[in-house]
Amino acid sequence: MKYVTKKGDTWSKIAYEQYGSEYLMTVLLDYNQQYRDIVVFPHGITLEVPDIEGIIDDTPFWMKEVAEDVDETEEVATDDTGDIEEDVMEGGAYG
């Protein structure tokens, strides 16, 4: 997608308007390196505004580590009350 600047636009303002977060201005900077020295834009500069769907992974780093360690095929045994059975707790990651 393209964005044509208005006089007074800033990277953070454009990021907020396009993505809903001023913190994503670095994505705009990455795709528009030729304008990286501009702090306050004049009217009429055309910027590339990439789709962030595949670019941004907002999963916290600590959750990525947990997700890698979890075996999705592993099942946890429970008794009739829904509590984890003791024999499961004695072995594996808990034992």
PDB file of N, CA and C in Angstrom:
ATOM      1  N   MET A   1       0.850  -1.164   0.000  1.00  0.00           N
ATOM      2  CA  MET A   1       0.000   0.000   0.000  1.00  0.00           C
ATOM      3  C   MET A   1       0.906   1.240   0.000  1.00  0.00           C
ATOM      4  N   LYS A   2       0.415   2.302  -0.535  1.00  0.00           N
ATOM      5  CA  LYS A   2       1.154   3.565  -0.593  1.00  0.00           C
ATOM      6  C   LYS A   2       0.483   4.593   0.324  1.00  0.00           C
ATOM      7  N   TYR A   3       1.298   5.507   0.831  1.00  0.00           N
ATOM      8  CA  TYR A   3       0.795   6.602   1.651  1.00  0.00           C
ATOM      9  C   TYR A   3       1.474   7.875   1.171  1.00  0.00           C
ATOM     10  N   VAL A   4       0.697   8.910   0.909  1.00  0.00           N
ATOM     11  CA  VAL A   4       1.238  10.198   0.505  1.00  0.00           C
ATOM     12  C   VAL A   4       1.208  11.109   1.727  1.00  0.00           C
ATOM     13  N   THR A   5       2.393  11.615   2.083  1.00  0.00           N
ATOM     14  CA  THR A   5       2.505  12.413   3.301  1.00  0.00           C
ATOM     15  C   THR A   5       1.795  13.749   3.183  1.00  0.00           C
ATOM     16  N   LYS A   6       1.376  14.213   4.353  1.00  0.00           N
ATOM     17  CA  LYS A   6       0.819  15.551   4.488  1.00  0.00           C
ATOM     18  C   LYS A   6       1.843  16.387   5.252  1.00  0.00           C
ATOM     19  N   LYS A   7       1.865  17.653   5.037  1.00  0.00           N
ATOM     20  CA  LYS A   7       2.812  18.522   5.726  1.00  0.00           C
ATOM     21  C   LYS A   7       2.652  18.338   7.241  1.00  0.00           C
ATOM     22  N   GLY A   8       3.767  18.057   7.906  1.00  0.00           N
ATOM     23  CA  GLY A   8       3.739  17.882   9.354  1.00  0.00           C
ATOM     24  C   GLY A   8       3.690  16.442   9.816  1.00  0.00           C
ATOM     25  N   ASP A   9       3.504  15.499   8.880  1.00  0.00           N
ATOM     26  CA  ASP A   9       3.509  14.079   9.249  1.00  0.00           C
ATOM     27  C   ASP A   9       4.868  13.689   9.837  1.00  0.00           C
ATOM     28  N   THR A  10       4.841  12.750  10.777  1.00  0.00           N
ATOM     29  CA  THR A  10       6.067  12.166  11.318  1.00  0.00           C
ATOM     30  C   THR A  10       5.959  10.652  11.169  1.00  0.00           C
ATOM     31  N   TRP A  11       7.091   9.960  11.323  1.00  0.00           N
ATOM     32  CA  TRP A  11       7.077   8.499  11.219  1.00  0.00           C
ATOM     33  C   TRP A  11       6.101   7.888  12.217  1.00  0.00           C
ATOM     34  N   SER A  12       6.139   8.374  13.440  1.00  0.00           N
ATOM     35  CA  SER A  12       5.276   7.790  14.470  1.00  0.00           C
ATOM     36  C   SER A  12       3.795   8.087  14.209  1.00  0.00           C
ATOM     37  N   LYS A  13       3.503   9.259  13.704  1.00  0.00           N
ATOM     38  CA  LYS A  13       2.112   9.609  13.395  1.00  0.00           C
ATOM     39  C   LYS A  13       1.568   8.728  12.273  1.00  0.00           C
ATOM     40  N   ILE A  14       2.377   8.539  11.246  1.00  0.00           N
ATOM     41  CA  ILE A  14       1.951   7.693  10.126  1.00  0.00           C
ATOM     42  C   ILE A  14       1.761   6.249  10.592  1.00  0.00           C
ATOM     43  N   ALA A  15       2.702   5.761  11.404  1.00  0.00           N
ATOM     44  CA  ALA A  15       2.593   4.387  11.921  1.00  0.00           C
ATOM     45  C   ALA A  15       1.327   4.229  12.758  1.00  0.00           C
ATOM     46  N   TYR A  16       1.028   5.220  13.575  1.00  0.00           N
ATOM     47  CA  TYR A  16      -0.181   5.146  14.401  1.00  0.00           C
ATOM     48  C   TYR A  16      -1.436   5.131  13.529  1.00  0.00           C
ATOM     49  N   GLU A  17      -1.465   5.987  12.508  1.00  0.00           N
ATOM     50  CA  GLU A  17      -2.632   6.047  11.630  1.00  0.00           C
ATOM     51  C   GLU A  17      -2.805   4.766  10.810  1.00  0.00           C
ATOM     52  N   GLN A  18      -1.693   4.190  10.353  1.00  0.00           N
ATOM     53  CA  GLN A  18      -1.760   3.031   9.471  1.00  0.00           C
ATOM     54  C   GLN A  18      -1.857   1.698  10.211  1.00  0.00           C
ATOM     55  N   TYR A  19      -1.157   1.604  11.351  1.00  0.00           N
ATOM     56  CA  TYR A  19      -1.075   0.331  12.072  1.00  0.00           C
ATOM     57  C   TYR A  19      -1.732   0.339  13.451  1.00  0.00           C
ATOM     58  N   GLY A  20      -2.052   1.517  13.954  1.00  0.00           N
ATOM     59  CA  GLY A  20      -2.643   1.592  15.279  1.00  0.00           C
ATOM     60  C   GLY A  20      -1.626   1.646  16.400  1.00  0.00           C
ATOM     61  N   SER A  21      -0.330   1.750  16.049  1.00  0.00           N
ATOM     62  CA  SER A  21       0.723   1.822  17.062  1.00  0.00           C
ATOM     63  C   SER A  21       1.899   2.619  16.522  1.00  0.00           C
ATOM     64  N   GLU A  22       2.283   3.640  17.251  1.00  0.00           N
ATOM     65  CA  GLU A  22       3.436   4.443  16.845  1.00  0.00           C
ATOM     66  C   GLU A  22       4.737   3.659  16.956  1.00  0.00           C
ATOM     67  N   TYR A  23       4.717   2.587  17.736  1.00  0.00           N
ATOM     68  CA  TYR A  23       5.915   1.767  17.919  1.00  0.00           C
ATOM     69  C   TYR A  23       6.294   0.988  16.659  1.00  0.00           C
ATOM     70  N   LEU A  24       5.400   0.910  15.696  1.00  0.00           N
ATOM     71  CA  LEU A  24       5.672   0.199  14.451  1.00  0.00           C
ATOM     72  C   LEU A  24       6.288   1.103  13.386  1.00  0.00           C
ATOM     73  N   MET A  25       6.719   2.279  13.791  1.00  0.00           N
ATOM     74  CA  MET A  25       7.352   3.192  12.832  1.00  0.00           C
ATOM     75  C   MET A  25       8.623   2.592  12.241  1.00  0.00           C
ATOM     76  N   THR A  26       9.263   1.678  12.961  1.00  0.00           N
ATOM     77  CA  THR A  26      10.478   1.045  12.436  1.00  0.00           C
ATOM     78  C   THR A  26      10.185   0.215  11.190  1.00  0.00           C
ATOM     79  N   VAL A  27       8.978  -0.334  11.091  1.00  0.00           N
ATOM     80  CA  VAL A  27       8.589  -1.073   9.889  1.00  0.00           C
ATOM     81  C   VAL A  27       8.560  -0.116   8.706  1.00  0.00           C
ATOM     82  N   LEU A  28       7.983   1.056   8.913  1.00  0.00           N
ATOM     83  CA  LEU A  28       7.947   2.060   7.846  1.00  0.00           C
ATOM     84  C   LEU A  28       9.352   2.495   7.452  1.00  0.00           C
ATOM     85  N   LEU A  29      10.196   2.721   8.432  1.00  0.00           N
ATOM     86  CA  LEU A  29      11.583   3.117   8.163  1.00  0.00           C
ATOM     87  C   LEU A  29      12.324   2.041   7.364  1.00  0.00           C
ATOM     88  N   ASP A  30      12.114   0.789   7.720  1.00  0.00           N
ATOM     89  CA  ASP A  30      12.771  -0.307   7.005  1.00  0.00           C
ATOM     90  C   ASP A  30      12.399  -0.332   5.527  1.00  0.00           C
ATOM     91  N   TYR A  31      11.160  -0.013   5.219  1.00  0.00           N
ATOM     92  CA  TYR A  31      10.685  -0.070   3.847  1.00  0.00           C
ATOM     93  C   TYR A  31      10.878   1.235   3.078  1.00  0.00           C
ATOM     94  N   ASN A  32      11.323   2.273   3.760  1.00  0.00           N
ATOM     95  CA  ASN A  32      11.478   3.584   3.121  1.00  0.00           C
ATOM     96  C   ASN A  32      12.811   4.215   3.521  1.00  0.00           C
ATOM     97  N   GLN A  33      13.877   3.452   3.382  1.00  0.00           N
ATOM     98  CA  GLN A  33      15.197   3.893   3.810  1.00  0.00           C
ATOM     99  C   GLN A  33      15.641   5.205   3.162  1.00  0.00           C
ATOM    100  N   GLN A  34      15.206   5.481   1.968  1.00  0.00           N
ATOM    101  CA  GLN A  34      15.619   6.699   1.276  1.00  0.00           C
ATOM    102  C   GLN A  34      15.130   7.975   1.978  1.00  0.00           C
ATOM    103  N   TYR A  35      14.157   7.836   2.893  1.00  0.00           N
ATOM    104  CA  TYR A  35      13.613   8.993   3.617  1.00  0.00           C
ATOM    105  C   TYR A  35      13.957   8.965   5.111  1.00  0.00           C
ATOM    106  N   ARG A  36      14.894   8.132   5.508  1.00  0.00           N
ATOM    107  CA  ARG A  36      15.192   7.925   6.933  1.00  0.00           C
ATOM    108  C   ARG A  36      15.688   9.183   7.646  1.00  0.00           C
ATOM    109  N   ASP A  37      16.210  10.146   6.905  1.00  0.00           N
ATOM    110  CA  ASP A  37      16.714  11.378   7.526  1.00  0.00           C
ATOM    111  C   ASP A  37      15.623  12.422   7.768  1.00  0.00           C
ATOM    112  N   ILE A  38      14.437  12.167   7.283  1.00  0.00           N
ATOM    113  CA  ILE A  38      13.333  13.122   7.461  1.00  0.00           C
ATOM    114  C   ILE A  38      12.660  12.868   8.806  1.00  0.00           C
ATOM    115  N   VAL A  39      12.506  13.932   9.572  1.00  0.00           N
ATOM    116  CA  VAL A  39      11.821  13.825  10.868  1.00  0.00           C
ATOM    117  C   VAL A  39      10.381  14.303  10.727  1.00  0.00           C
ATOM    118  N   VAL A  40      10.199  15.453  10.107  1.00  0.00           N
ATOM    119  CA  VAL A  40       8.868  16.006   9.847  1.00  0.00           C
ATOM    120  C   VAL A  40       8.726  16.123   8.328  1.00  0.00           C
ATOM    121  N   PHE A  41       7.736  15.425   7.798  1.00  0.00           N
ATOM    122  CA  PHE A  41       7.579  15.350   6.353  1.00  0.00           C
ATOM    123  C   PHE A  41       6.922  16.586   5.759  1.00  0.00           C
ATOM    124  N   PRO A  42       7.339  16.944   4.530  1.00  0.00           N
ATOM    125  CA  PRO A  42       6.581  17.923   3.749  1.00  0.00           C
ATOM    126  C   PRO A  42       5.416  17.202   3.069  1.00  0.00           C
ATOM    127  N   HIS A  43       4.585  17.934   2.390  1.00  0.00           N
ATOM    128  CA  HIS A  43       3.469  17.348   1.652  1.00  0.00           C
ATOM    129  C   HIS A  43       3.981  16.653   0.395  1.00  0.00           C
ATOM    130  N   GLY A  44       3.419  15.486   0.094  1.00  0.00           N
ATOM    131  CA  GLY A  44       3.609  14.886  -1.219  1.00  0.00           C
ATOM    132  C   GLY A  44       4.645  13.790  -1.368  1.00  0.00           C
ATOM    133  N   ILE A  45       5.235  13.291  -0.314  1.00  0.00           N
ATOM    134  CA  ILE A  45       6.176  12.180  -0.438  1.00  0.00           C
ATOM    135  C   ILE A  45       5.382  10.871  -0.358  1.00  0.00           C
ATOM    136  N   THR A  46       5.643  10.000  -1.308  1.00  0.00           N
ATOM    137  CA  THR A  46       4.943   8.717  -1.341  1.00  0.00           C
ATOM    138  C   THR A  46       5.778   7.667  -0.621  1.00  0.00           C
ATOM    139  N   LEU A  47       5.187   7.087   0.410  1.00  0.00           N
ATOM    140  CA  LEU A  47       5.855   6.057   1.210  1.00  0.00           C
ATOM    141  C   LEU A  47       5.232   4.695   0.952  1.00  0.00           C
ATOM    142  N   GLU A  48       6.051   3.678   1.065  1.00  0.00           N
ATOM    143  CA  GLU A  48       5.570   2.296   0.998  1.00  0.00           C
ATOM    144  C   GLU A  48       5.099   1.905   2.402  1.00  0.00           C
ATOM    145  N   VAL A  49       3.866   1.416   2.512  1.00  0.00           N
ATOM    146  CA  VAL A  49       3.321   0.971   3.794  1.00  0.00           C
ATOM    147  C   VAL A  49       3.009  -0.512   3.653  1.00  0.00           C
ATOM    148  N   PRO A  50       3.939  -1.364   4.124  1.00  0.00           N
ATOM    149  CA  PRO A  50       3.742  -2.808   3.946  1.00  0.00           C
ATOM    150  C   PRO A  50       2.665  -3.357   4.869  1.00  0.00           C
ATOM    151  N   ASP A  51       2.084  -4.470   4.432  1.00  0.00           N
ATOM    152  CA  ASP A  51       1.143  -5.198   5.272  1.00  0.00           C
ATOM    153  C   ASP A  51       1.949  -5.851   6.383  1.00  0.00           C
ATOM    154  N   ILE A  52       1.585  -5.621   7.626  1.00  0.00           N
ATOM    155  CA  ILE A  52       2.374  -6.141   8.745  1.00  0.00           C
ATOM    156  C   ILE A  52       1.955  -7.531   9.186  1.00  0.00           C
ATOM    157  N   GLU A  53       0.951  -8.093   8.554  1.00  0.00           N
ATOM    158  CA  GLU A  53       0.440  -9.409   8.957  1.00  0.00           C
ATOM    159  C   GLU A  53       1.550 -10.452   9.064  1.00  0.00           C
ATOM    160  N   GLY A  54       2.379 -10.567   8.047  1.00  0.00           N
ATOM    161  CA  GLY A  54       3.433 -11.570   8.062  1.00  0.00           C
ATOM    162  C   GLY A  54       4.747 -11.080   8.626  1.00  0.00           C
ATOM    163  N   ILE A  55       4.846  -9.781   8.898  1.00  0.00           N
ATOM    164  CA  ILE A  55       6.108  -9.190   9.355  1.00  0.00           C
ATOM    165  C   ILE A  55       6.219  -9.204  10.868  1.00  0.00           C
ATOM    166  N   ILE A  56       5.162  -8.830  11.534  1.00  0.00           N
ATOM    167  CA  ILE A  56       5.197  -8.640  12.977  1.00  0.00           C
ATOM    168  C   ILE A  56       4.752  -9.904  13.699  1.00  0.00           C
ATOM    169  N   ASP A  57       5.589 -10.351  14.607  1.00  0.00           N
ATOM    170  CA  ASP A  57       5.242 -11.461  15.488  1.00  0.00           C
ATOM    171  C   ASP A  57       5.246 -10.889  16.896  1.00  0.00           C
ATOM    172  N   ASP A  58       4.070 -10.655  17.457  1.00  0.00           N
ATOM    173  CA  ASP A  58       3.989 -10.005  18.760  1.00  0.00           C
ATOM    174  C   ASP A  58       3.996 -10.984  19.930  1.00  0.00           C
ATOM    175  N   THR A  59       4.402 -12.229  19.658  1.00  0.00           N
ATOM    176  CA  THR A  59       4.533 -13.205  20.728  1.00  0.00           C
ATOM    177  C   THR A  59       5.770 -12.860  21.552  1.00  0.00           C
ATOM    178  N   PRO A  60       5.635 -12.701  22.865  1.00  0.00           N
ATOM    179  CA  PRO A  60       6.798 -12.391  23.695  1.00  0.00           C
ATOM    180  C   PRO A  60       7.854 -13.487  23.575  1.00  0.00           C
ATOM    181  N   PHE A  61       9.128 -13.105  23.679  1.00  0.00           N
ATOM    182  CA  PHE A  61      10.213 -14.061  23.501  1.00  0.00           C
ATOM    183  C   PHE A  61      10.096 -15.249  24.456  1.00  0.00           C
ATOM    184  N   TRP A  62       9.618 -15.004  25.669  1.00  0.00           N
ATOM    185  CA  TRP A  62       9.532 -16.091  26.640  1.00  0.00           C
ATOM    186  C   TRP A  62       8.432 -17.088  26.279  1.00  0.00           C
ATOM    187  N   MET A  63       7.414 -16.642  25.566  1.00  0.00           N
ATOM    188  CA  MET A  63       6.363 -17.555  25.115  1.00  0.00           C
ATOM    189  C   MET A  63       6.851 -18.409  23.946  1.00  0.00           C
ATOM    190  N   LYS A  64       7.728 -17.865  23.117  1.00  0.00           N
ATOM    191  CA  LYS A  64       8.276 -18.634  22.008  1.00  0.00           C
ATOM    192  C   LYS A  64       9.073 -19.812  22.537  1.00  0.00           C
ATOM    193  N   GLU A  65       9.866 -19.581  23.589  1.00  0.00           N
ATOM    194  CA  GLU A  65      10.660 -20.649  24.181  1.00  0.00           C
ATOM    195  C   GLU A  65       9.764 -21.734  24.763  1.00  0.00           C
ATOM    196  N   VAL A  66       8.680 -21.338  25.412  1.00  0.00           N
ATOM    197  CA  VAL A  66       7.742 -22.301  25.991  1.00  0.00           C
ATOM    198  C   VAL A  66       7.077 -23.107  24.880  1.00  0.00           C
ATOM    199  N   ALA A  67       6.657 -22.442  23.827  1.00  0.00           N
ATOM    200  CA  ALA A  67       5.979 -23.114  22.722  1.00  0.00           C
ATOM    201  C   ALA A  67       6.887 -24.133  22.052  1.00  0.00           C
ATOM    202  N   GLU A  68       8.181 -23.846  21.961  1.00  0.00           N
ATOM    203  CA  GLU A  68       9.107 -24.782  21.352  1.00  0.00           C
ATOM    204  C   GLU A  68       9.304 -26.015  22.219  1.00  0.00           C
ATOM    205  N   ASP A  69       9.210 -25.855  23.546  1.00  0.00           N
ATOM    206  CA  ASP A  69       9.436 -26.958  24.467  1.00  0.00           C
ATOM    207  C   ASP A  69       8.229 -27.879  24.619  1.00  0.00           C
ATOM    208  N   VAL A  70       7.051 -27.399  24.281  1.00  0.00           N
ATOM    209  CA  VAL A  70       5.830 -28.175  24.473  1.00  0.00           C
ATOM    210  C   VAL A  70       5.629 -29.115  23.300  1.00  0.00           C
ATOM    211  N   ASP A  71       5.412 -30.386  23.620  1.00  0.00           N
ATOM    212  CA  ASP A  71       5.110 -31.384  22.603  1.00  0.00           C
ATOM    213  C   ASP A  71       3.593 -31.432  22.472  1.00  0.00           C
ATOM    214  N   GLU A  72       3.088 -31.024  21.313  1.00  0.00           N
ATOM    215  CA  GLU A  72       1.643 -30.923  21.131  1.00  0.00           C
ATOM    216  C   GLU A  72       0.944 -32.278  21.187  1.00  0.00           C
ATOM    217  N   THR A  73       1.665 -33.358  20.972  1.00  0.00           N
ATOM    218  CA  THR A  73       1.032 -34.668  20.973  1.00  0.00           C
ATOM    219  C   THR A  73       0.957 -35.276  22.366  1.00  0.00           C
ATOM    220  N   GLU A  74       1.644 -34.681  23.327  1.00  0.00           N
ATOM    221  CA  GLU A  74       1.652 -35.209  24.689  1.00  0.00           C
ATOM    222  C   GLU A  74       0.303 -34.944  25.359  1.00  0.00           C
ATOM    223  N   GLU A  75      -0.254 -35.958  25.976  1.00  0.00           N
ATOM    224  CA  GLU A  75      -1.515 -35.800  26.680  1.00  0.00           C
ATOM    225  C   GLU A  75      -1.271 -35.908  28.181  1.00  0.00           C
ATOM    226  N   VAL A  76      -2.042 -35.181  28.946  1.00  0.00           N
ATOM    227  CA  VAL A  76      -1.943 -35.221  30.399  1.00  0.00           C
ATOM    228  C   VAL A  76      -3.125 -36.019  30.920  1.00  0.00           C
ATOM    229  N   ALA A  77      -2.822 -37.028  31.745  1.00  0.00           N
ATOM    230  CA  ALA A  77      -3.885 -37.872  32.310  1.00  0.00           C
ATOM    231  C   ALA A  77      -4.551 -37.143  33.469  1.00  0.00           C
ATOM    232  N   THR A  78      -5.867 -37.237  33.528  1.00  0.00           N
ATOM    233  CA  THR A  78      -6.610 -36.637  34.632  1.00  0.00           C
ATOM    234  C   THR A  78      -7.526 -37.699  35.234  1.00  0.00           C
ATOM    235  N   ASP A  79      -7.879 -37.474  36.494  1.00  0.00           N
ATOM    236  CA  ASP A  79      -8.848 -38.386  37.108  1.00  0.00           C
ATOM    237  C   ASP A  79     -10.248 -37.843  36.850  1.00  0.00           C
ATOM    238  N   ASP A  80     -11.254 -38.413  37.471  1.00  0.00           N
ATOM    239  CA  ASP A  80     -12.637 -38.019  37.219  1.00  0.00           C
ATOM    240  C   ASP A  80     -12.947 -36.584  37.596  1.00  0.00           C
ATOM    241  N   THR A  81     -12.170 -36.004  38.513  1.00  0.00           N
ATOM    242  CA  THR A  81     -12.441 -34.630  38.956  1.00  0.00           C
ATOM    243  C   THR A  81     -11.770 -33.602  38.060  1.00  0.00           C
ATOM    244  N   GLY A  82     -10.938 -34.054  37.138  1.00  0.00           N
ATOM    245  CA  GLY A  82     -10.246 -33.135  36.262  1.00  0.00           C
ATOM    246  C   GLY A  82      -8.860 -32.766  36.764  1.00  0.00           C
ATOM    247  N   ASP A  83      -8.486 -33.309  37.946  1.00  0.00           N
ATOM    248  CA  ASP A  83      -7.152 -33.038  38.486  1.00  0.00           C
ATOM    249  C   ASP A  83      -6.133 -33.936  37.798  1.00  0.00           C
ATOM    250  N   ILE A  84      -4.911 -33.451  37.697  1.00  0.00           N
ATOM    251  CA  ILE A  84      -3.845 -34.251  37.104  1.00  0.00           C
ATOM    252  C   ILE A  84      -3.516 -35.390  38.053  1.00  0.00           C
ATOM    253  N   GLU A  85      -3.435 -36.598  37.500  1.00  0.00           N
ATOM    254  CA  GLU A  85      -3.148 -37.768  38.331  1.00  0.00           C
ATOM    255  C   GLU A  85      -1.724 -37.698  38.860  1.00  0.00           C
ATOM    256  N   GLU A  86      -1.520 -38.229  40.071  1.00  0.00           N
ATOM    257  CA  GLU A  86      -0.227 -38.164  40.732  1.00  0.00           C
ATOM    258  C   GLU A  86       0.869 -38.882  39.975  1.00  0.00           C
ATOM    259  N   ASP A  87       0.554 -40.016  39.338  1.00  0.00           N
ATOM    260  CA  ASP A  87       1.600 -40.757  38.654  1.00  0.00           C
ATOM    261  C   ASP A  87       2.162 -39.959  37.466  1.00  0.00           C
ATOM    262  N   VAL A  88       1.376 -39.084  36.892  1.00  0.00           N
ATOM    263  CA  VAL A  88       1.862 -38.223  35.827  1.00  0.00           C
ATOM    264  C   VAL A  88       2.799 -37.178  36.418  1.00  0.00           C
ATOM    265  N   MET A  89       2.449 -36.679  37.585  1.00  0.00           N
ATOM    266  CA  MET A  89       3.265 -35.653  38.226  1.00  0.00           C
ATOM    267  C   MET A  89       4.619 -36.197  38.661  1.00  0.00           C
ATOM    268  N   GLU A  90       4.708 -37.508  38.956  1.00  0.00           N
ATOM    269  CA  GLU A  90       5.962 -38.091  39.424  1.00  0.00           C
ATOM    270  C   GLU A  90       6.985 -38.223  38.316  1.00  0.00           C
ATOM    271  N   GLY A  91       6.561 -38.377  37.093  1.00  0.00           N
ATOM    272  CA  GLY A  91       7.498 -38.561  35.996  1.00  0.00           C
ATOM    273  C   GLY A  91       7.533 -37.338  35.100  1.00  0.00           C
ATOM    274  N   GLY A  92       8.280 -37.430  34.042  1.00  0.00           N
ATOM    275  CA  GLY A  92       8.319 -36.374  33.044  1.00  0.00           C
ATOM    276  C   GLY A  92       8.902 -35.084  33.572  1.00  0.00           C
ATOM    277  N   ALA A  93       8.354 -33.989  33.137  1.00  0.00           N
ATOM    278  CA  ALA A  93       8.885 -32.669  33.467  1.00  0.00           C
ATOM    279  C   ALA A  93       8.697 -32.302  34.928  1.00  0.00           C
ATOM    280  N   TYR A  94       7.764 -32.993  35.627  1.00  0.00           N
ATOM    281  CA  TYR A  94       7.474 -32.636  37.007  1.00  0.00           C
ATOM    282  C   TYR A  94       8.222 -33.511  38.014  1.00  0.00           C
ATOM    283  N   GLY A  95       8.812 -34.581  37.564  1.00  0.00           N
ATOM    284  CA  GLY A  95       9.381 -35.554  38.464  1.00  0.00           C
ATOM    285  C   GLY A  95      10.788 -35.307  38.740  1.00  0.00           C
TER     286      GLY A  95
END
